[in-house]
Amino acid sequence: MPPATNTPPKHSAAPERSLVQRMDALQRANEIRTRRAQLKRDLKGGRVSIHDLLLDPPEYLETAKVFDMLLAVPKYGRVKVNKILVTCRISPSKTIGGLSERQRNELVGLLRR
């Protein structure tokens, strides 16, 4: 019987990114965060409609959480947003890009009441 070894199994790691690739990814992430922050301010100020965003989201909003975007709408707090998401059978961790057409339409219909 061969002796037992204490070496951990080798895992293949993701390939290392170059400095340029990392800086490009960081710049893109910062741009997305900036645009989302401005969008949330516009939602709070009533300059943008949540209905339009849910039905036809811009690319930078695809990975944003539905919960976070609804919280930016005036008169919507955590309790009301959770209640709406439960009614529409949407997980609080669901992203806007991950919504099905049924979920999208049901959510917009409920918000328009």
N, C-alpha and C. Protein backbone atom coordinates (compact mmCIF):
# COMPACT_ATOMS: atom_id res chain seq x y z
N MET A 1 0.83 -1.17 0.00
CA MET A 1 0.00 0.00 0.00
C MET A 1 0.88 1.24 0.00
N PRO A 2 0.62 2.20 -0.90
CA PRO A 2 1.46 3.39 -0.95
C PRO A 2 1.23 4.28 0.27
N PRO A 3 2.25 5.02 0.69
CA PRO A 3 2.10 5.90 1.85
C PRO A 3 1.14 7.05 1.53
N ALA A 4 0.39 7.46 2.53
CA ALA A 4 -0.56 8.57 2.37
C ALA A 4 0.21 9.88 2.25
N THR A 5 -0.25 10.72 1.38
CA THR A 5 0.39 12.03 1.22
C THR A 5 -0.56 13.11 1.71
N ASN A 6 0.00 14.17 2.21
CA ASN A 6 -0.82 15.26 2.73
C ASN A 6 -0.88 16.43 1.75
N THR A 7 -0.65 16.20 0.51
CA THR A 7 -0.71 17.30 -0.46
C THR A 7 -2.16 17.48 -0.90
N PRO A 8 -2.63 18.72 -0.90
CA PRO A 8 -4.01 18.97 -1.33
C PRO A 8 -4.15 18.70 -2.83
N PRO A 9 -5.35 18.34 -3.25
CA PRO A 9 -5.54 18.10 -4.68
C PRO A 9 -5.36 19.41 -5.46
N LYS A 10 -4.81 19.26 -6.64
CA LYS A 10 -4.57 20.45 -7.47
C LYS A 10 -5.86 20.87 -8.16
N HIS A 11 -6.19 22.16 -8.03
CA HIS A 11 -7.37 22.71 -8.70
C HIS A 11 -6.88 23.63 -9.80
N SER A 12 -7.55 23.60 -10.90
CA SER A 12 -7.16 24.52 -11.95
C SER A 12 -7.79 25.88 -11.67
N ALA A 13 -6.98 26.86 -11.49
CA ALA A 13 -7.45 28.21 -11.19
C ALA A 13 -7.77 28.94 -12.49
N ALA A 14 -8.54 29.99 -12.34
CA ALA A 14 -8.83 30.83 -13.51
C ALA A 14 -7.52 31.45 -13.99
N PRO A 15 -7.39 31.64 -15.26
CA PRO A 15 -6.14 32.23 -15.76
C PRO A 15 -5.93 33.63 -15.18
N GLU A 16 -4.69 33.93 -14.91
CA GLU A 16 -4.35 35.25 -14.38
C GLU A 16 -4.69 36.32 -15.40
N ARG A 17 -5.22 37.43 -14.91
CA ARG A 17 -5.51 38.55 -15.80
C ARG A 17 -4.34 39.51 -15.80
N SER A 18 -4.13 40.11 -16.93
CA SER A 18 -3.06 41.10 -17.01
C SER A 18 -3.52 42.38 -16.31
N LEU A 19 -2.60 43.25 -16.04
CA LEU A 19 -2.91 44.51 -15.39
C LEU A 19 -3.90 45.32 -16.23
N VAL A 20 -3.72 45.30 -17.53
CA VAL A 20 -4.61 46.05 -18.43
C VAL A 20 -6.03 45.49 -18.35
N GLN A 21 -6.14 44.16 -18.33
CA GLN A 21 -7.47 43.54 -18.24
C GLN A 21 -8.13 43.89 -16.93
N ARG A 22 -7.37 43.86 -15.83
CA ARG A 22 -7.94 44.19 -14.53
C ARG A 22 -8.37 45.64 -14.47
N MET A 23 -7.58 46.53 -15.02
CA MET A 23 -7.92 47.95 -15.01
C MET A 23 -9.16 48.22 -15.87
N ASP A 24 -9.27 47.54 -17.00
CA ASP A 24 -10.45 47.69 -17.85
C ASP A 24 -11.71 47.21 -17.12
N ALA A 25 -11.60 46.08 -16.42
CA ALA A 25 -12.75 45.55 -15.67
C ALA A 25 -13.12 46.51 -14.54
N LEU A 26 -12.12 47.06 -13.86
CA LEU A 26 -12.38 48.01 -12.78
C LEU A 26 -13.05 49.28 -13.31
N GLN A 27 -12.58 49.77 -14.43
CA GLN A 27 -13.17 50.97 -15.03
C GLN A 27 -14.62 50.72 -15.43
N ARG A 28 -14.88 49.56 -16.01
CA ARG A 28 -16.26 49.21 -16.41
C ARG A 28 -17.16 49.10 -15.18
N ALA A 29 -16.68 48.45 -14.12
CA ALA A 29 -17.47 48.30 -12.90
C ALA A 29 -17.76 49.66 -12.27
N ASN A 30 -16.78 50.54 -12.26
CA ASN A 30 -16.99 51.88 -11.70
C ASN A 30 -18.01 52.67 -12.52
N GLU A 31 -17.95 52.53 -13.82
CA GLU A 31 -18.90 53.23 -14.69
C GLU A 31 -20.33 52.72 -14.44
N ILE A 32 -20.47 51.40 -14.30
CA ILE A 32 -21.79 50.82 -14.04
C ILE A 32 -22.32 51.31 -12.69
N ARG A 33 -21.48 51.31 -11.66
CA ARG A 33 -21.91 51.78 -10.34
C ARG A 33 -22.34 53.25 -10.38
N THR A 34 -21.59 54.07 -11.11
CA THR A 34 -21.91 55.49 -11.23
C THR A 34 -23.26 55.68 -11.93
N ARG A 35 -23.47 54.95 -13.02
CA ARG A 35 -24.72 55.08 -13.77
C ARG A 35 -25.91 54.60 -12.95
N ARG A 36 -25.73 53.51 -12.18
CA ARG A 36 -26.82 53.02 -11.33
C ARG A 36 -27.13 54.01 -10.22
N ALA A 37 -26.10 54.62 -9.64
CA ALA A 37 -26.33 55.60 -8.57
C ALA A 37 -27.12 56.79 -9.11
N GLN A 38 -26.78 57.26 -10.31
CA GLN A 38 -27.51 58.36 -10.93
C GLN A 38 -28.95 57.95 -11.22
N LEU A 39 -29.13 56.73 -11.68
CA LEU A 39 -30.47 56.22 -11.97
C LEU A 39 -31.32 56.16 -10.70
N LYS A 40 -30.72 55.72 -9.60
CA LYS A 40 -31.46 55.69 -8.33
C LYS A 40 -31.85 57.09 -7.89
N ARG A 41 -30.97 58.06 -8.09
CA ARG A 41 -31.31 59.45 -7.76
C ARG A 41 -32.46 59.94 -8.63
N ASP A 42 -32.43 59.57 -9.91
CA ASP A 42 -33.51 59.95 -10.83
C ASP A 42 -34.83 59.29 -10.44
N LEU A 43 -34.77 58.03 -9.99
CA LEU A 43 -35.99 57.36 -9.53
C LEU A 43 -36.55 58.07 -8.31
N LYS A 44 -35.69 58.39 -7.35
CA LYS A 44 -36.13 59.09 -6.14
C LYS A 44 -36.73 60.45 -6.46
N GLY A 45 -36.17 61.13 -7.46
CA GLY A 45 -36.65 62.45 -7.85
C GLY A 45 -37.85 62.41 -8.78
N GLY A 46 -38.27 61.22 -9.21
CA GLY A 46 -39.43 61.10 -10.09
C GLY A 46 -39.14 61.44 -11.53
N ARG A 47 -37.88 61.52 -11.92
CA ARG A 47 -37.51 61.85 -13.30
C ARG A 47 -37.50 60.64 -14.22
N VAL A 48 -37.51 59.44 -13.62
CA VAL A 48 -37.49 58.19 -14.39
C VAL A 48 -38.59 57.29 -13.85
N SER A 49 -39.22 56.54 -14.74
CA SER A 49 -40.29 55.62 -14.33
C SER A 49 -39.73 54.22 -14.13
N ILE A 50 -40.06 53.62 -13.01
CA ILE A 50 -39.62 52.25 -12.73
C ILE A 50 -40.25 51.27 -13.72
N HIS A 51 -41.45 51.60 -14.22
CA HIS A 51 -42.14 50.72 -15.17
C HIS A 51 -41.32 50.56 -16.45
N ASP A 52 -40.82 51.68 -16.97
CA ASP A 52 -40.02 51.64 -18.20
C ASP A 52 -38.73 50.86 -17.98
N LEU A 53 -38.12 51.05 -16.82
CA LEU A 53 -36.86 50.35 -16.53
C LEU A 53 -37.06 48.85 -16.44
N LEU A 54 -38.17 48.43 -15.86
CA LEU A 54 -38.42 47.00 -15.72
C LEU A 54 -38.78 46.36 -17.06
N LEU A 55 -39.53 47.07 -17.88
CA LEU A 55 -39.95 46.50 -19.17
C LEU A 55 -38.83 46.52 -20.20
N ASP A 56 -37.98 47.55 -20.17
CA ASP A 56 -36.90 47.65 -21.15
C ASP A 56 -35.64 48.19 -20.45
N PRO A 57 -34.96 47.33 -19.67
CA PRO A 57 -33.82 47.81 -18.90
C PRO A 57 -32.59 48.07 -19.77
N PRO A 58 -31.84 49.13 -19.46
CA PRO A 58 -30.57 49.34 -20.16
C PRO A 58 -29.58 48.24 -19.75
N GLU A 59 -28.56 48.06 -20.54
CA GLU A 59 -27.59 46.97 -20.32
C GLU A 59 -26.94 47.04 -18.94
N TYR A 60 -26.60 48.23 -18.48
CA TYR A 60 -25.92 48.36 -17.19
C TYR A 60 -26.81 48.04 -16.00
N LEU A 61 -28.11 47.87 -16.25
CA LEU A 61 -29.05 47.57 -15.18
C LEU A 61 -29.39 46.08 -15.11
N GLU A 62 -28.95 45.31 -16.09
CA GLU A 62 -29.29 43.89 -16.16
C GLU A 62 -28.87 43.11 -14.91
N THR A 63 -27.74 43.46 -14.31
CA THR A 63 -27.24 42.70 -13.16
C THR A 63 -27.61 43.34 -11.82
N ALA A 64 -28.42 44.39 -11.85
CA ALA A 64 -28.86 45.05 -10.61
C ALA A 64 -29.98 44.24 -9.98
N LYS A 65 -30.05 44.23 -8.67
CA LYS A 65 -31.11 43.51 -7.95
C LYS A 65 -32.42 44.28 -8.07
N VAL A 66 -33.51 43.57 -8.32
CA VAL A 66 -34.84 44.17 -8.41
C VAL A 66 -35.17 44.85 -7.08
N PHE A 67 -34.84 44.20 -5.97
CA PHE A 67 -35.11 44.72 -4.64
C PHE A 67 -34.49 46.11 -4.47
N ASP A 68 -33.22 46.26 -4.86
CA ASP A 68 -32.52 47.54 -4.70
C ASP A 68 -33.14 48.64 -5.55
N MET A 69 -33.54 48.30 -6.76
CA MET A 69 -34.14 49.31 -7.63
C MET A 69 -35.51 49.75 -7.11
N LEU A 70 -36.29 48.81 -6.59
CA LEU A 70 -37.60 49.17 -6.05
C LEU A 70 -37.46 50.03 -4.80
N LEU A 71 -36.42 49.79 -4.02
CA LEU A 71 -36.19 50.61 -2.82
C LEU A 71 -35.93 52.07 -3.18
N ALA A 72 -35.43 52.33 -4.38
CA ALA A 72 -35.13 53.70 -4.79
C ALA A 72 -36.39 54.47 -5.19
N VAL A 73 -37.50 53.77 -5.38
CA VAL A 73 -38.75 54.42 -5.76
C VAL A 73 -39.35 55.09 -4.53
N PRO A 74 -39.81 56.35 -4.67
CA PRO A 74 -40.42 57.03 -3.52
C PRO A 74 -41.62 56.26 -2.98
N LYS A 75 -41.77 56.28 -1.67
CA LYS A 75 -42.87 55.63 -0.94
C LYS A 75 -42.77 54.10 -0.92
N TYR A 76 -41.62 53.55 -1.30
CA TYR A 76 -41.42 52.12 -1.25
C TYR A 76 -40.27 51.82 -0.30
N GLY A 77 -40.62 51.18 0.83
CA GLY A 77 -39.62 50.77 1.80
C GLY A 77 -39.41 49.28 1.74
N ARG A 78 -38.61 48.77 2.66
CA ARG A 78 -38.29 47.34 2.67
C ARG A 78 -39.53 46.45 2.81
N VAL A 79 -40.44 46.83 3.68
CA VAL A 79 -41.63 45.99 3.92
C VAL A 79 -42.51 45.94 2.68
N LYS A 80 -42.77 47.09 2.08
CA LYS A 80 -43.63 47.13 0.90
C LYS A 80 -42.98 46.40 -0.28
N VAL A 81 -41.67 46.59 -0.46
CA VAL A 81 -40.96 45.94 -1.57
C VAL A 81 -40.98 44.42 -1.36
N ASN A 82 -40.72 43.96 -0.15
CA ASN A 82 -40.76 42.51 0.12
C ASN A 82 -42.15 41.94 -0.15
N LYS A 83 -43.17 42.67 0.26
CA LYS A 83 -44.55 42.21 0.05
C LYS A 83 -44.85 42.09 -1.46
N ILE A 84 -44.42 43.07 -2.23
CA ILE A 84 -44.63 43.04 -3.68
C ILE A 84 -43.90 41.86 -4.31
N LEU A 85 -42.65 41.65 -3.91
CA LEU A 85 -41.86 40.55 -4.48
C LEU A 85 -42.47 39.19 -4.13
N VAL A 86 -42.97 39.04 -2.91
CA VAL A 86 -43.60 37.78 -2.51
C VAL A 86 -44.87 37.57 -3.33
N THR A 87 -45.66 38.63 -3.51
CA THR A 87 -46.89 38.53 -4.30
C THR A 87 -46.60 38.09 -5.74
N CYS A 88 -45.52 38.61 -6.30
CA CYS A 88 -45.16 38.28 -7.69
C CYS A 88 -44.29 37.01 -7.79
N ARG A 89 -44.02 36.38 -6.66
CA ARG A 89 -43.18 35.18 -6.62
C ARG A 89 -41.79 35.43 -7.21
N ILE A 90 -41.17 36.50 -6.74
CA ILE A 90 -39.83 36.88 -7.19
C ILE A 90 -38.90 36.88 -5.99
N SER A 91 -37.77 36.23 -6.12
CA SER A 91 -36.78 36.19 -5.05
C SER A 91 -36.17 37.57 -4.85
N PRO A 92 -35.90 37.97 -3.61
CA PRO A 92 -35.27 39.28 -3.37
C PRO A 92 -33.88 39.40 -3.99
N SER A 93 -33.25 38.28 -4.27
CA SER A 93 -31.91 38.32 -4.87
C SER A 93 -31.94 38.29 -6.40
N LYS A 94 -33.13 38.28 -6.98
CA LYS A 94 -33.28 38.21 -8.45
C LYS A 94 -32.78 39.50 -9.09
N THR A 95 -32.08 39.36 -10.21
CA THR A 95 -31.61 40.54 -10.94
C THR A 95 -32.65 40.96 -11.97
N ILE A 96 -32.57 42.18 -12.40
CA ILE A 96 -33.52 42.69 -13.39
C ILE A 96 -33.40 41.91 -14.69
N GLY A 97 -32.19 41.58 -15.08
CA GLY A 97 -31.99 40.80 -16.30
C GLY A 97 -32.49 39.37 -16.18
N GLY A 98 -32.61 38.86 -14.95
CA GLY A 98 -33.03 37.49 -14.72
C GLY A 98 -34.53 37.31 -14.60
N LEU A 99 -35.29 38.40 -14.71
CA LEU A 99 -36.74 38.30 -14.61
C LEU A 99 -37.33 37.66 -15.86
N SER A 100 -38.31 36.80 -15.69
CA SER A 100 -39.02 36.25 -16.84
C SER A 100 -40.05 37.28 -17.31
N GLU A 101 -40.60 37.07 -18.47
CA GLU A 101 -41.62 37.99 -18.99
C GLU A 101 -42.83 38.04 -18.06
N ARG A 102 -43.23 36.86 -17.54
CA ARG A 102 -44.35 36.83 -16.62
C ARG A 102 -44.05 37.67 -15.39
N GLN A 103 -42.89 37.48 -14.81
CA GLN A 103 -42.52 38.23 -13.61
C GLN A 103 -42.47 39.73 -13.90
N ARG A 104 -41.89 40.07 -15.03
CA ARG A 104 -41.78 41.48 -15.43
C ARG A 104 -43.16 42.13 -15.54
N ASN A 105 -44.04 41.48 -16.29
CA ASN A 105 -45.38 42.03 -16.51
C ASN A 105 -46.20 42.07 -15.23
N GLU A 106 -46.10 41.03 -14.42
CA GLU A 106 -46.85 40.98 -13.16
C GLU A 106 -46.36 42.08 -12.21
N LEU A 107 -45.04 42.28 -12.17
CA LEU A 107 -44.47 43.30 -11.30
C LEU A 107 -44.88 44.71 -11.74
N VAL A 108 -44.81 44.98 -13.03
CA VAL A 108 -45.22 46.28 -13.54
C VAL A 108 -46.71 46.51 -13.31
N GLY A 109 -47.53 45.48 -13.53
CA GLY A 109 -48.97 45.61 -13.30
C GLY A 109 -49.27 45.93 -11.84
N LEU A 110 -48.57 45.29 -10.93
CA LEU A 110 -48.77 45.53 -9.50
C LEU A 110 -48.30 46.92 -9.10
N LEU A 111 -47.22 47.38 -9.69
CA LEU A 111 -46.69 48.71 -9.35
C LEU A 111 -47.57 49.84 -9.91
N ARG A 112 -48.30 49.56 -10.97
CA ARG A 112 -49.15 50.60 -11.59
C ARG A 112 -50.44 50.83 -10.82
N ARG A 113 -50.77 49.95 -9.89
CA ARG A 113 -52.03 50.11 -9.13
C ARG A 113 -51.99 51.35 -8.27
